[in-house]
Amino acid sequence: MKTNDEIVDTLIELKNEQHLTLSELARRVNMAKSALSRYFNKTREFPLNNVDAFAKALHTTPEYILGFKENEIGSLTDSDRRILRINKMLSSDRQEKVYNYASDQLDEQNN
């Protein structure tokens, strides 16, 4: 499992990748902005009992945040992780469009 600092760094990275403000993230996890700020400033320990809410709000898994699993599909690059996070934020019909586009690109590359 990651240390408190590593967990907070992961949360900050996910928040920034998704262009969320601290206020918006606080709203999504039903927490006061001031409390969230203390966690992000590392002046208080991140509350592990809230990891599920953060995972849902940041479109990831609790395991990823806590570092129990490197990722869900084996060893991925940073680029792979970014694509997966974006894909999780899309509606199912848009996810299908991304899949079809990627599949077409792969076919084109291989032919």
PDB file of N, CA and C in Angstrom:
ATOM      1  N   MET A   1       0.848  -1.190   0.000  1.00  0.00           N
ATOM      2  CA  MET A   1       0.000   0.000   0.000  1.00  0.00           C
ATOM      3  C   MET A   1       0.889   1.248   0.000  1.00  0.00           C
ATOM      4  N   LYS A   2       0.392   2.275  -0.660  1.00  0.00           N
ATOM      5  CA  LYS A   2       1.125   3.534  -0.735  1.00  0.00           C
ATOM      6  C   LYS A   2       1.132   4.231   0.622  1.00  0.00           C
ATOM      7  N   THR A   3       2.109   5.102   0.798  1.00  0.00           N
ATOM      8  CA  THR A   3       2.142   5.962   1.982  1.00  0.00           C
ATOM      9  C   THR A   3       1.076   7.046   1.834  1.00  0.00           C
ATOM     10  N   ASN A   4       0.809   7.770   2.922  1.00  0.00           N
ATOM     11  CA  ASN A   4      -0.152   8.865   2.862  1.00  0.00           C
ATOM     12  C   ASN A   4       0.247   9.883   1.789  1.00  0.00           C
ATOM     13  N   ASP A   5       1.513  10.264   1.746  1.00  0.00           N
ATOM     14  CA  ASP A   5       1.966  11.243   0.749  1.00  0.00           C
ATOM     15  C   ASP A   5       1.750  10.733  -0.670  1.00  0.00           C
ATOM     16  N   GLU A   6       2.011   9.451  -0.903  1.00  0.00           N
ATOM     17  CA  GLU A   6       1.826   8.873  -2.235  1.00  0.00           C
ATOM     18  C   GLU A   6       0.344   8.836  -2.614  1.00  0.00           C
ATOM     19  N   ILE A   7      -0.517   8.519  -1.656  1.00  0.00           N
ATOM     20  CA  ILE A   7      -1.959   8.523  -1.918  1.00  0.00           C
ATOM     21  C   ILE A   7      -2.418   9.924  -2.297  1.00  0.00           C
ATOM     22  N   VAL A   8      -2.000  10.904  -1.533  1.00  0.00           N
ATOM     23  CA  VAL A   8      -2.384  12.290  -1.819  1.00  0.00           C
ATOM     24  C   VAL A   8      -1.831  12.726  -3.166  1.00  0.00           C
ATOM     25  N   ASP A   9      -0.587  12.361  -3.477  1.00  0.00           N
ATOM     26  CA  ASP A   9      -0.017  12.699  -4.784  1.00  0.00           C
ATOM     27  C   ASP A   9      -0.839  12.092  -5.919  1.00  0.00           C
ATOM     28  N   THR A  10      -1.295  10.862  -5.734  1.00  0.00           N
ATOM     29  CA  THR A  10      -2.140  10.211  -6.736  1.00  0.00           C
ATOM     30  C   THR A  10      -3.451  10.965  -6.904  1.00  0.00           C
ATOM     31  N   LEU A  11      -4.062  11.360  -5.800  1.00  0.00           N
ATOM     32  CA  LEU A  11      -5.319  12.111  -5.867  1.00  0.00           C
ATOM     33  C   LEU A  11      -5.130  13.449  -6.573  1.00  0.00           C
ATOM     34  N   ILE A  12      -4.048  14.116  -6.262  1.00  0.00           N
ATOM     35  CA  ILE A  12      -3.764  15.410  -6.905  1.00  0.00           C
ATOM     36  C   ILE A  12      -3.552  15.223  -8.404  1.00  0.00           C
ATOM     37  N   GLU A  13      -2.819  14.188  -8.765  1.00  0.00           N
ATOM     38  CA  GLU A  13      -2.577  13.899 -10.183  1.00  0.00           C
ATOM     39  C   GLU A  13      -3.892  13.636 -10.918  1.00  0.00           C
ATOM     40  N   LEU A  14      -4.753  12.823 -10.334  1.00  0.00           N
ATOM     41  CA  LEU A  14      -6.042  12.521 -10.956  1.00  0.00           C
ATOM     42  C   LEU A  14      -6.911  13.771 -11.053  1.00  0.00           C
ATOM     43  N   LYS A  15      -6.927  14.572  -9.997  1.00  0.00           N
ATOM     44  CA  LYS A  15      -7.706  15.817  -9.991  1.00  0.00           C
ATOM     45  C   LYS A  15      -7.235  16.748 -11.100  1.00  0.00           C
ATOM     46  N   ASN A  16      -5.924  16.880 -11.241  1.00  0.00           N
ATOM     47  CA  ASN A  16      -5.373  17.775 -12.251  1.00  0.00           C
ATOM     48  C   ASN A  16      -5.608  17.254 -13.665  1.00  0.00           C
ATOM     49  N   GLU A  17      -5.461  15.952 -13.860  1.00  0.00           N
ATOM     50  CA  GLU A  17      -5.706  15.363 -15.180  1.00  0.00           C
ATOM     51  C   GLU A  17      -7.123  15.611 -15.649  1.00  0.00           C
ATOM     52  N   GLN A  18      -8.048  15.639 -14.709  1.00  0.00           N
ATOM     53  CA  GLN A  18      -9.457  15.811 -15.045  1.00  0.00           C
ATOM     54  C   GLN A  18      -9.899  17.268 -14.946  1.00  0.00           C
ATOM     55  N   HIS A  19      -8.933  18.153 -14.715  1.00  0.00           N
ATOM     56  CA  HIS A  19      -9.177  19.599 -14.661  1.00  0.00           C
ATOM     57  C   HIS A  19     -10.260  19.955 -13.647  1.00  0.00           C
ATOM     58  N   LEU A  20     -10.204  19.307 -12.488  1.00  0.00           N
ATOM     59  CA  LEU A  20     -11.161  19.594 -11.422  1.00  0.00           C
ATOM     60  C   LEU A  20     -10.578  20.617 -10.459  1.00  0.00           C
ATOM     61  N   THR A  21     -11.419  21.475  -9.966  1.00  0.00           N
ATOM     62  CA  THR A  21     -10.999  22.382  -8.905  1.00  0.00           C
ATOM     63  C   THR A  21     -11.131  21.642  -7.578  1.00  0.00           C
ATOM     64  N   LEU A  22     -10.487  22.167  -6.574  1.00  0.00           N
ATOM     65  CA  LEU A  22     -10.607  21.597  -5.241  1.00  0.00           C
ATOM     66  C   LEU A  22     -12.060  21.663  -4.777  1.00  0.00           C
ATOM     67  N   SER A  23     -12.722  22.744  -5.089  1.00  0.00           N
ATOM     68  CA  SER A  23     -14.135  22.904  -4.717  1.00  0.00           C
ATOM     69  C   SER A  23     -15.014  21.840  -5.366  1.00  0.00           C
ATOM     70  N   GLU A  24     -14.776  21.583  -6.648  1.00  0.00           N
ATOM     71  CA  GLU A  24     -15.578  20.593  -7.356  1.00  0.00           C
ATOM     72  C   GLU A  24     -15.334  19.196  -6.796  1.00  0.00           C
ATOM     73  N   LEU A  25     -14.081  18.855  -6.534  1.00  0.00           N
ATOM     74  CA  LEU A  25     -13.790  17.551  -5.961  1.00  0.00           C
ATOM     75  C   LEU A  25     -14.413  17.419  -4.573  1.00  0.00           C
ATOM     76  N   ALA A  26     -14.320  18.457  -3.774  1.00  0.00           N
ATOM     77  CA  ALA A  26     -14.926  18.444  -2.438  1.00  0.00           C
ATOM     78  C   ALA A  26     -16.429  18.211  -2.539  1.00  0.00           C
ATOM     79  N   ARG A  27     -17.060  18.853  -3.496  1.00  0.00           N
ATOM     80  CA  ARG A  27     -18.499  18.659  -3.703  1.00  0.00           C
ATOM     81  C   ARG A  27     -18.796  17.209  -4.086  1.00  0.00           C
ATOM     82  N   ARG A  28     -17.988  16.652  -4.978  1.00  0.00           N
ATOM     83  CA  ARG A  28     -18.225  15.282  -5.444  1.00  0.00           C
ATOM     84  C   ARG A  28     -18.072  14.241  -4.339  1.00  0.00           C
ATOM     85  N   VAL A  29     -17.188  14.507  -3.389  1.00  0.00           N
ATOM     86  CA  VAL A  29     -16.969  13.531  -2.312  1.00  0.00           C
ATOM     87  C   VAL A  29     -17.705  13.927  -1.027  1.00  0.00           C
ATOM     88  N   ASN A  30     -18.508  14.987  -1.116  1.00  0.00           N
ATOM     89  CA  ASN A  30     -19.318  15.447   0.011  1.00  0.00           C
ATOM     90  C   ASN A  30     -18.452  15.756   1.235  1.00  0.00           C
ATOM     91  N   MET A  31     -17.475  16.606   1.002  1.00  0.00           N
ATOM     92  CA  MET A  31     -16.529  16.975   2.054  1.00  0.00           C
ATOM     93  C   MET A  31     -16.290  18.481   1.993  1.00  0.00           C
ATOM     94  N   ALA A  32     -15.999  19.086   3.109  1.00  0.00           N
ATOM     95  CA  ALA A  32     -15.687  20.517   3.127  1.00  0.00           C
ATOM     96  C   ALA A  32     -14.387  20.766   2.360  1.00  0.00           C
ATOM     97  N   LYS A  33     -14.370  21.846   1.606  1.00  0.00           N
ATOM     98  CA  LYS A  33     -13.171  22.204   0.850  1.00  0.00           C
ATOM     99  C   LYS A  33     -11.978  22.391   1.777  1.00  0.00           C
ATOM    100  N   SER A  34     -12.201  22.960   2.954  1.00  0.00           N
ATOM    101  CA  SER A  34     -11.103  23.191   3.898  1.00  0.00           C
ATOM    102  C   SER A  34     -10.495  21.870   4.383  1.00  0.00           C
ATOM    103  N   ALA A  35     -11.327  20.863   4.596  1.00  0.00           N
ATOM    104  CA  ALA A  35     -10.819  19.549   5.018  1.00  0.00           C
ATOM    105  C   ALA A  35     -10.003  18.929   3.894  1.00  0.00           C
ATOM    106  N   LEU A  36     -10.535  18.992   2.684  1.00  0.00           N
ATOM    107  CA  LEU A  36      -9.820  18.441   1.531  1.00  0.00           C
ATOM    108  C   LEU A  36      -8.487  19.154   1.322  1.00  0.00           C
ATOM    109  N   SER A  37      -8.481  20.440   1.531  1.00  0.00           N
ATOM    110  CA  SER A  37      -7.250  21.222   1.402  1.00  0.00           C
ATOM    111  C   SER A  37      -6.181  20.745   2.388  1.00  0.00           C
ATOM    112  N   ARG A  38      -6.599  20.429   3.598  1.00  0.00           N
ATOM    113  CA  ARG A  38      -5.637  19.930   4.591  1.00  0.00           C
ATOM    114  C   ARG A  38      -5.043  18.594   4.177  1.00  0.00           C
ATOM    115  N   TYR A  39      -5.852  17.730   3.573  1.00  0.00           N
ATOM    116  CA  TYR A  39      -5.322  16.455   3.082  1.00  0.00           C
ATOM    117  C   TYR A  39      -4.336  16.703   1.947  1.00  0.00           C
ATOM    118  N   PHE A  40      -4.716  17.593   1.030  1.00  0.00           N
ATOM    119  CA  PHE A  40      -3.868  17.848  -0.130  1.00  0.00           C
ATOM    120  C   PHE A  40      -2.588  18.598   0.252  1.00  0.00           C
ATOM    121  N   ASN A  41      -2.636  19.364   1.313  1.00  0.00           N
ATOM    122  CA  ASN A  41      -1.427  20.041   1.811  1.00  0.00           C
ATOM    123  C   ASN A  41      -0.589  19.116   2.693  1.00  0.00           C
ATOM    124  N   LYS A  42      -1.121  17.923   2.932  1.00  0.00           N
ATOM    125  CA  LYS A  42      -0.452  16.878   3.719  1.00  0.00           C
ATOM    126  C   LYS A  42      -0.249  17.281   5.187  1.00  0.00           C
ATOM    127  N   THR A  43      -1.156  18.117   5.680  1.00  0.00           N
ATOM    128  CA  THR A  43      -1.103  18.472   7.097  1.00  0.00           C
ATOM    129  C   THR A  43      -1.993  17.547   7.929  1.00  0.00           C
ATOM    130  N   ARG A  44      -2.845  16.761   7.236  1.00  0.00           N
ATOM    131  CA  ARG A  44      -3.667  15.743   7.897  1.00  0.00           C
ATOM    132  C   ARG A  44      -3.623  14.472   7.068  1.00  0.00           C
ATOM    133  N   GLU A  45      -3.780  13.345   7.726  1.00  0.00           N
ATOM    134  CA  GLU A  45      -3.780  12.056   7.042  1.00  0.00           C
ATOM    135  C   GLU A  45      -5.046  11.901   6.200  1.00  0.00           C
ATOM    136  N   PHE A  46      -4.875  11.321   5.020  1.00  0.00           N
ATOM    137  CA  PHE A  46      -6.026  11.040   4.168  1.00  0.00           C
ATOM    138  C   PHE A  46      -6.898   9.985   4.848  1.00  0.00           C
ATOM    139  N   PRO A  47      -8.218  10.196   4.908  1.00  0.00           N
ATOM    140  CA  PRO A  47      -9.111   9.241   5.569  1.00  0.00           C
ATOM    141  C   PRO A  47      -9.389   8.037   4.670  1.00  0.00           C
ATOM    142  N   LEU A  48      -8.791   6.922   4.996  1.00  0.00           N
ATOM    143  CA  LEU A  48      -8.911   5.730   4.164  1.00  0.00           C
ATOM    144  C   LEU A  48     -10.356   5.260   4.019  1.00  0.00           C
ATOM    145  N   ASN A  49     -11.200   5.582   4.973  1.00  0.00           N
ATOM    146  CA  ASN A  49     -12.603   5.174   4.867  1.00  0.00           C
ATOM    147  C   ASN A  49     -13.349   5.948   3.771  1.00  0.00           C
ATOM    148  N   ASN A  50     -12.744   6.969   3.207  1.00  0.00           N
ATOM    149  CA  ASN A  50     -13.368   7.745   2.129  1.00  0.00           C
ATOM    150  C   ASN A  50     -12.810   7.404   0.748  1.00  0.00           C
ATOM    151  N   VAL A  51     -11.951   6.400   0.660  1.00  0.00           N
ATOM    152  CA  VAL A  51     -11.293   6.114  -0.616  1.00  0.00           C
ATOM    153  C   VAL A  51     -12.299   5.731  -1.704  1.00  0.00           C
ATOM    154  N   ASP A  52     -13.385   5.048  -1.349  1.00  0.00           N
ATOM    155  CA  ASP A  52     -14.378   4.678  -2.362  1.00  0.00           C
ATOM    156  C   ASP A  52     -15.018   5.911  -3.001  1.00  0.00           C
ATOM    157  N   ALA A  53     -15.337   6.897  -2.195  1.00  0.00           N
ATOM    158  CA  ALA A  53     -15.940   8.126  -2.722  1.00  0.00           C
ATOM    159  C   ALA A  53     -14.970   8.855  -3.645  1.00  0.00           C
ATOM    160  N   PHE A  54     -13.700   8.889  -3.264  1.00  0.00           N
ATOM    161  CA  PHE A  54     -12.698   9.544  -4.110  1.00  0.00           C
ATOM    162  C   PHE A  54     -12.499   8.780  -5.411  1.00  0.00           C
ATOM    163  N   ALA A  55     -12.481   7.451  -5.323  1.00  0.00           N
ATOM    164  CA  ALA A  55     -12.313   6.641  -6.534  1.00  0.00           C
ATOM    165  C   ALA A  55     -13.461   6.888  -7.505  1.00  0.00           C
ATOM    166  N   LYS A  56     -14.677   6.905  -6.987  1.00  0.00           N
ATOM    167  CA  LYS A  56     -15.838   7.156  -7.845  1.00  0.00           C
ATOM    168  C   LYS A  56     -15.772   8.557  -8.456  1.00  0.00           C
ATOM    169  N   ALA A  57     -15.458   9.540  -7.640  1.00  0.00           N
ATOM    170  CA  ALA A  57     -15.403  10.931  -8.116  1.00  0.00           C
ATOM    171  C   ALA A  57     -14.300  11.139  -9.152  1.00  0.00           C
ATOM    172  N   LEU A  58     -13.229  10.356  -9.048  1.00  0.00           N
ATOM    173  CA  LEU A  58     -12.078  10.525  -9.942  1.00  0.00           C
ATOM    174  C   LEU A  58     -11.995   9.434 -11.014  1.00  0.00           C
ATOM    175  N   HIS A  59     -13.060   8.659 -11.160  1.00  0.00           N
ATOM    176  CA  HIS A  59     -13.167   7.656 -12.222  1.00  0.00           C
ATOM    177  C   HIS A  59     -12.010   6.663 -12.217  1.00  0.00           C
ATOM    178  N   THR A  60     -11.755   6.101 -11.071  1.00  0.00           N
ATOM    179  CA  THR A  60     -10.691   5.118 -10.937  1.00  0.00           C
ATOM    180  C   THR A  60     -11.124   4.091  -9.903  1.00  0.00           C
ATOM    181  N   THR A  61     -10.194   3.302  -9.410  1.00  0.00           N
ATOM    182  CA  THR A  61     -10.523   2.285  -8.417  1.00  0.00           C
ATOM    183  C   THR A  61      -9.839   2.617  -7.092  1.00  0.00           C
ATOM    184  N   PRO A  62     -10.419   2.149  -5.992  1.00  0.00           N
ATOM    185  CA  PRO A  62      -9.740   2.327  -4.704  1.00  0.00           C
ATOM    186  C   PRO A  62      -8.363   1.659  -4.698  1.00  0.00           C
ATOM    187  N   GLU A  63      -8.260   0.513  -5.367  1.00  0.00           N
ATOM    188  CA  GLU A  63      -6.978  -0.203  -5.433  1.00  0.00           C
ATOM    189  C   GLU A  63      -5.896   0.641  -6.097  1.00  0.00           C
ATOM    190  N   TYR A  64      -6.278   1.362  -7.152  1.00  0.00           N
ATOM    191  CA  TYR A  64      -5.298   2.216  -7.826  1.00  0.00           C
ATOM    192  C   TYR A  64      -4.838   3.337  -6.889  1.00  0.00           C
ATOM    193  N   ILE A  65      -5.778   3.972  -6.223  1.00  0.00           N
ATOM    194  CA  ILE A  65      -5.433   5.069  -5.315  1.00  0.00           C
ATOM    195  C   ILE A  65      -4.516   4.581  -4.201  1.00  0.00           C
ATOM    196  N   LEU A  66      -4.846   3.430  -3.634  1.00  0.00           N
ATOM    197  CA  LEU A  66      -4.083   2.907  -2.493  1.00  0.00           C
ATOM    198  C   LEU A  66      -2.819   2.158  -2.901  1.00  0.00           C
ATOM    199  N   GLY A  67      -2.709   1.805  -4.177  1.00  0.00           N
ATOM    200  CA  GLY A  67      -1.508   1.136  -4.646  1.00  0.00           C
ATOM    201  C   GLY A  67      -1.504  -0.365  -4.442  1.00  0.00           C
ATOM    202  N   PHE A  68      -2.681  -0.984  -4.255  1.00  0.00           N
ATOM    203  CA  PHE A  68      -2.732  -2.430  -4.087  1.00  0.00           C
ATOM    204  C   PHE A  68      -2.493  -3.157  -5.400  1.00  0.00           C
ATOM    205  N   LYS A  69      -2.980  -2.579  -6.490  1.00  0.00           N
ATOM    206  CA  LYS A  69      -2.735  -3.136  -7.807  1.00  0.00           C
ATOM    207  C   LYS A  69      -2.096  -2.039  -8.640  1.00  0.00           C
ATOM    208  N   GLU A  70      -1.103  -2.405  -9.403  1.00  0.00           N
ATOM    209  CA  GLU A  70      -0.473  -1.426 -10.287  1.00  0.00           C
ATOM    210  C   GLU A  70      -1.527  -0.829 -11.202  1.00  0.00           C
ATOM    211  N   ASN A  71      -2.351  -1.691 -11.757  1.00  0.00           N
ATOM    212  CA  ASN A  71      -3.463  -1.279 -12.599  1.00  0.00           C
ATOM    213  C   ASN A  71      -4.338  -2.486 -12.856  1.00  0.00           C
ATOM    214  N   GLU A  72      -5.331  -2.342 -13.658  1.00  0.00           N
ATOM    215  CA  GLU A  72      -6.303  -3.405 -13.847  1.00  0.00           C
ATOM    216  C   GLU A  72      -5.960  -4.347 -14.995  1.00  0.00           C
ATOM    217  N   ILE A  73      -4.980  -4.037 -15.834  1.00  0.00           N
ATOM    218  CA  ILE A  73      -4.698  -4.859 -17.005  1.00  0.00           C
ATOM    219  C   ILE A  73      -3.213  -5.168 -17.101  1.00  0.00           C
ATOM    220  N   GLY A  74      -2.540  -5.333 -16.016  1.00  0.00           N
ATOM    221  CA  GLY A  74      -1.110  -5.602 -16.082  1.00  0.00           C
ATOM    222  C   GLY A  74      -0.324  -4.316 -16.073  1.00  0.00           C
ATOM    223  N   SER A  75       0.861  -4.370 -16.637  1.00  0.00           N
ATOM    224  CA  SER A  75       1.758  -3.220 -16.597  1.00  0.00           C
ATOM    225  C   SER A  75       1.441  -2.248 -17.727  1.00  0.00           C
ATOM    226  N   LEU A  76       0.915  -1.086 -17.375  1.00  0.00           N
ATOM    227  CA  LEU A  76       0.553  -0.079 -18.363  1.00  0.00           C
ATOM    228  C   LEU A  76       1.489   1.113 -18.278  1.00  0.00           C
ATOM    229  N   THR A  77       1.636   1.782 -19.408  1.00  0.00           N
ATOM    230  CA  THR A  77       2.405   3.018 -19.440  1.00  0.00           C
ATOM    231  C   THR A  77       1.538   4.164 -18.923  1.00  0.00           C
ATOM    232  N   ASP A  78       2.164   5.307 -18.674  1.00  0.00           N
ATOM    233  CA  ASP A  78       1.393   6.483 -18.254  1.00  0.00           C
ATOM    234  C   ASP A  78       0.365   6.869 -19.317  1.00  0.00           C
ATOM    235  N   SER A  79       0.746   6.749 -20.580  1.00  0.00           N
ATOM    236  CA  SER A  79      -0.169   7.059 -21.677  1.00  0.00           C
ATOM    237  C   SER A  79      -1.376   6.126 -21.655  1.00  0.00           C
ATOM    238  N   ASP A  80      -1.137   4.834 -21.407  1.00  0.00           N
ATOM    239  CA  ASP A  80      -2.237   3.869 -21.313  1.00  0.00           C
ATOM    240  C   ASP A  80      -3.189   4.247 -20.190  1.00  0.00           C
ATOM    241  N   ARG A  81      -2.639   4.628 -19.052  1.00  0.00           N
ATOM    242  CA  ARG A  81      -3.467   4.989 -17.896  1.00  0.00           C
ATOM    243  C   ARG A  81      -4.323   6.218 -18.192  1.00  0.00           C
ATOM    244  N   ARG A  82      -3.725   7.194 -18.865  1.00  0.00           N
ATOM    245  CA  ARG A  82      -4.486   8.410 -19.192  1.00  0.00           C
ATOM    246  C   ARG A  82      -5.657   8.072 -20.106  1.00  0.00           C
ATOM    247  N   ILE A  83      -5.411   7.238 -21.108  1.00  0.00           N
ATOM    248  CA  ILE A  83      -6.477   6.850 -22.036  1.00  0.00           C
ATOM    249  C   ILE A  83      -7.588   6.116 -21.287  1.00  0.00           C
ATOM    250  N   LEU A  84      -7.219   5.200 -20.395  1.00  0.00           N
ATOM    251  CA  LEU A  84      -8.231   4.457 -19.637  1.00  0.00           C
ATOM    252  C   LEU A  84      -9.048   5.372 -18.742  1.00  0.00           C
ATOM    253  N   ARG A  85      -8.403   6.336 -18.100  1.00  0.00           N
ATOM    254  CA  ARG A  85      -9.136   7.259 -17.224  1.00  0.00           C
ATOM    255  C   ARG A  85     -10.126   8.097 -18.026  1.00  0.00           C
ATOM    256  N   ILE A  86      -9.664   8.590 -19.180  1.00  0.00           N
ATOM    257  CA  ILE A  86     -10.559   9.385 -20.028  1.00  0.00           C
ATOM    258  C   ILE A  86     -11.725   8.529 -20.489  1.00  0.00           C
ATOM    259  N   ASN A  87     -11.422   7.306 -20.909  1.00  0.00           N
ATOM    260  CA  ASN A  87     -12.465   6.414 -21.390  1.00  0.00           C
ATOM    261  C   ASN A  87     -13.520   6.153 -20.317  1.00  0.00           C
ATOM    262  N   LYS A  88     -13.100   6.010 -19.062  1.00  0.00           N
ATOM    263  CA  LYS A  88     -14.046   5.767 -17.971  1.00  0.00           C
ATOM    264  C   LYS A  88     -14.979   6.953 -17.758  1.00  0.00           C
ATOM    265  N   MET A  89     -14.562   8.138 -18.150  1.00  0.00           N
ATOM    266  CA  MET A  89     -15.386   9.328 -17.959  1.00  0.00           C
ATOM    267  C   MET A  89     -16.417   9.499 -19.064  1.00  0.00           C
ATOM    268  N   LEU A  90     -16.253   8.778 -20.172  1.00  0.00           N
ATOM    269  CA  LEU A  90     -17.163   8.908 -21.302  1.00  0.00           C
ATOM    270  C   LEU A  90     -18.420   8.071 -21.096  1.00  0.00           C
ATOM    271  N   SER A  91     -19.496   8.494 -21.737  1.00  0.00           N
ATOM    272  CA  SER A  91     -20.711   7.684 -21.737  1.00  0.00           C
ATOM    273  C   SER A  91     -20.450   6.423 -22.560  1.00  0.00           C
ATOM    274  N   SER A  92     -21.276   5.408 -22.398  1.00  0.00           N
ATOM    275  CA  SER A  92     -21.023   4.124 -23.074  1.00  0.00           C
ATOM    276  C   SER A  92     -21.038   4.255 -24.592  1.00  0.00           C
ATOM    277  N   ASP A  93     -21.893   5.111 -25.145  1.00  0.00           N
ATOM    278  CA  ASP A  93     -21.904   5.264 -26.604  1.00  0.00           C
ATOM    279  C   ASP A  93     -20.616   5.931 -27.098  1.00  0.00           C
ATOM    280  N   ARG A  94     -20.080   6.853 -26.332  1.00  0.00           N
ATOM    281  CA  ARG A  94     -18.811   7.476 -26.718  1.00  0.00           C
ATOM    282  C   ARG A  94     -17.641   6.515 -26.514  1.00  0.00           C
ATOM    283  N   GLN A  95     -17.712   5.665 -25.496  1.00  0.00           N
ATOM    284  CA  GLN A  95     -16.677   4.644 -25.315  1.00  0.00           C
ATOM    285  C   GLN A  95     -16.637   3.721 -26.528  1.00  0.00           C
ATOM    286  N   GLU A  96     -17.800   3.369 -27.052  1.00  0.00           N
ATOM    287  CA  GLU A  96     -17.874   2.515 -28.236  1.00  0.00           C
ATOM    288  C   GLU A  96     -17.224   3.202 -29.442  1.00  0.00           C
ATOM    289  N   LYS A  97     -17.439   4.503 -29.580  1.00  0.00           N
ATOM    290  CA  LYS A  97     -16.812   5.251 -30.675  1.00  0.00           C
ATOM    291  C   LYS A  97     -15.293   5.249 -30.538  1.00  0.00           C
ATOM    292  N   VAL A  98     -14.792   5.412 -29.310  1.00  0.00           N
ATOM    293  CA  VAL A  98     -13.345   5.376 -29.075  1.00  0.00           C
ATOM    294  C   VAL A  98     -12.797   4.007 -29.437  1.00  0.00           C
ATOM    295  N   TYR A  99     -13.493   2.951 -29.013  1.00  0.00           N
ATOM    296  CA  TYR A  99     -13.050   1.593 -29.333  1.00  0.00           C
ATOM    297  C   TYR A  99     -13.003   1.376 -30.844  1.00  0.00           C
ATOM    298  N   ASN A 100     -14.069   1.772 -31.540  1.00  0.00           N
ATOM    299  CA  ASN A 100     -14.119   1.592 -32.992  1.00  0.00           C
ATOM    300  C   ASN A 100     -13.006   2.363 -33.691  1.00  0.00           C
ATOM    301  N   TYR A 101     -12.759   3.588 -33.245  1.00  0.00           N
ATOM    302  CA  TYR A 101     -11.688   4.388 -33.836  1.00  0.00           C
ATOM    303  C   TYR A 101     -10.332   3.725 -33.610  1.00  0.00           C
ATOM    304  N   ALA A 102     -10.084   3.279 -32.381  1.00  0.00           N
ATOM    305  CA  ALA A 102      -8.805   2.631 -32.071  1.00  0.00           C
ATOM    306  C   ALA A 102      -8.648   1.339 -32.864  1.00  0.00           C
ATOM    307  N   SER A 103      -9.715   0.594 -32.988  1.00  0.00           N
ATOM    308  CA  SER A 103      -9.674  -0.643 -33.762  1.00  0.00           C
ATOM    309  C   SER A 103      -9.359  -0.370 -35.228  1.00  0.00           C
ATOM    310  N   ASP A 104      -9.993   0.657 -35.802  1.00  0.00           N
ATOM    311  CA  ASP A 104      -9.704   1.059 -37.190  1.00  0.00           C
ATOM    312  C   ASP A 104      -8.252   1.493 -37.349  1.00  0.00           C
ATOM    313  N   GLN A 105      -7.752   2.241 -36.377  1.00  0.00           N
ATOM    314  CA  GLN A 105      -6.353   2.685 -36.441  1.00  0.00           C
ATOM    315  C   GLN A 105      -5.390   1.502 -36.404  1.00  0.00           C
ATOM    316  N   LEU A 106      -5.685   0.517 -35.564  1.00  0.00           N
ATOM    317  CA  LEU A 106      -4.840  -0.666 -35.481  1.00  0.00           C
ATOM    318  C   LEU A 106      -4.869  -1.453 -36.776  1.00  0.00           C
ATOM    319  N   ASP A 107      -6.069  -1.626 -37.352  1.00  0.00           N
ATOM    320  CA  ASP A 107      -6.168  -2.322 -38.642  1.00  0.00           C
ATOM    321  C   ASP A 107      -5.379  -1.606 -39.718  1.00  0.00           C
ATOM    322  N   GLU A 108      -5.504  -0.290 -39.762  1.00  0.00           N
ATOM    323  CA  GLU A 108      -4.764   0.514 -40.744  1.00  0.00           C
ATOM    324  C   GLU A 108      -3.268   0.383 -40.543  1.00  0.00           C
ATOM    325  N   GLN A 109      -2.817   0.401 -39.307  1.00  0.00           N
ATOM    326  CA  GLN A 109      -1.391   0.281 -39.004  1.00  0.00           C
ATOM    327  C   GLN A 109      -0.847  -1.081 -39.431  1.00  0.00           C
ATOM    328  N   ASN A 110      -1.638  -2.123 -39.237  1.00  0.00           N
ATOM    329  CA  ASN A 110      -1.192  -3.481 -39.527  1.00  0.00           C
ATOM    330  C   ASN A 110      -1.322  -3.886 -40.983  1.00  0.00           C
ATOM    331  N   ASN A 111      -1.948  -3.061 -41.790  1.00  0.00           N
ATOM    332  CA  ASN A 111      -2.117  -3.398 -43.218  1.00  0.00           C
ATOM    333  C   ASN A 111      -1.323  -2.503 -44.110  1.00  0.00           C
TER     334      ASN A 111
END
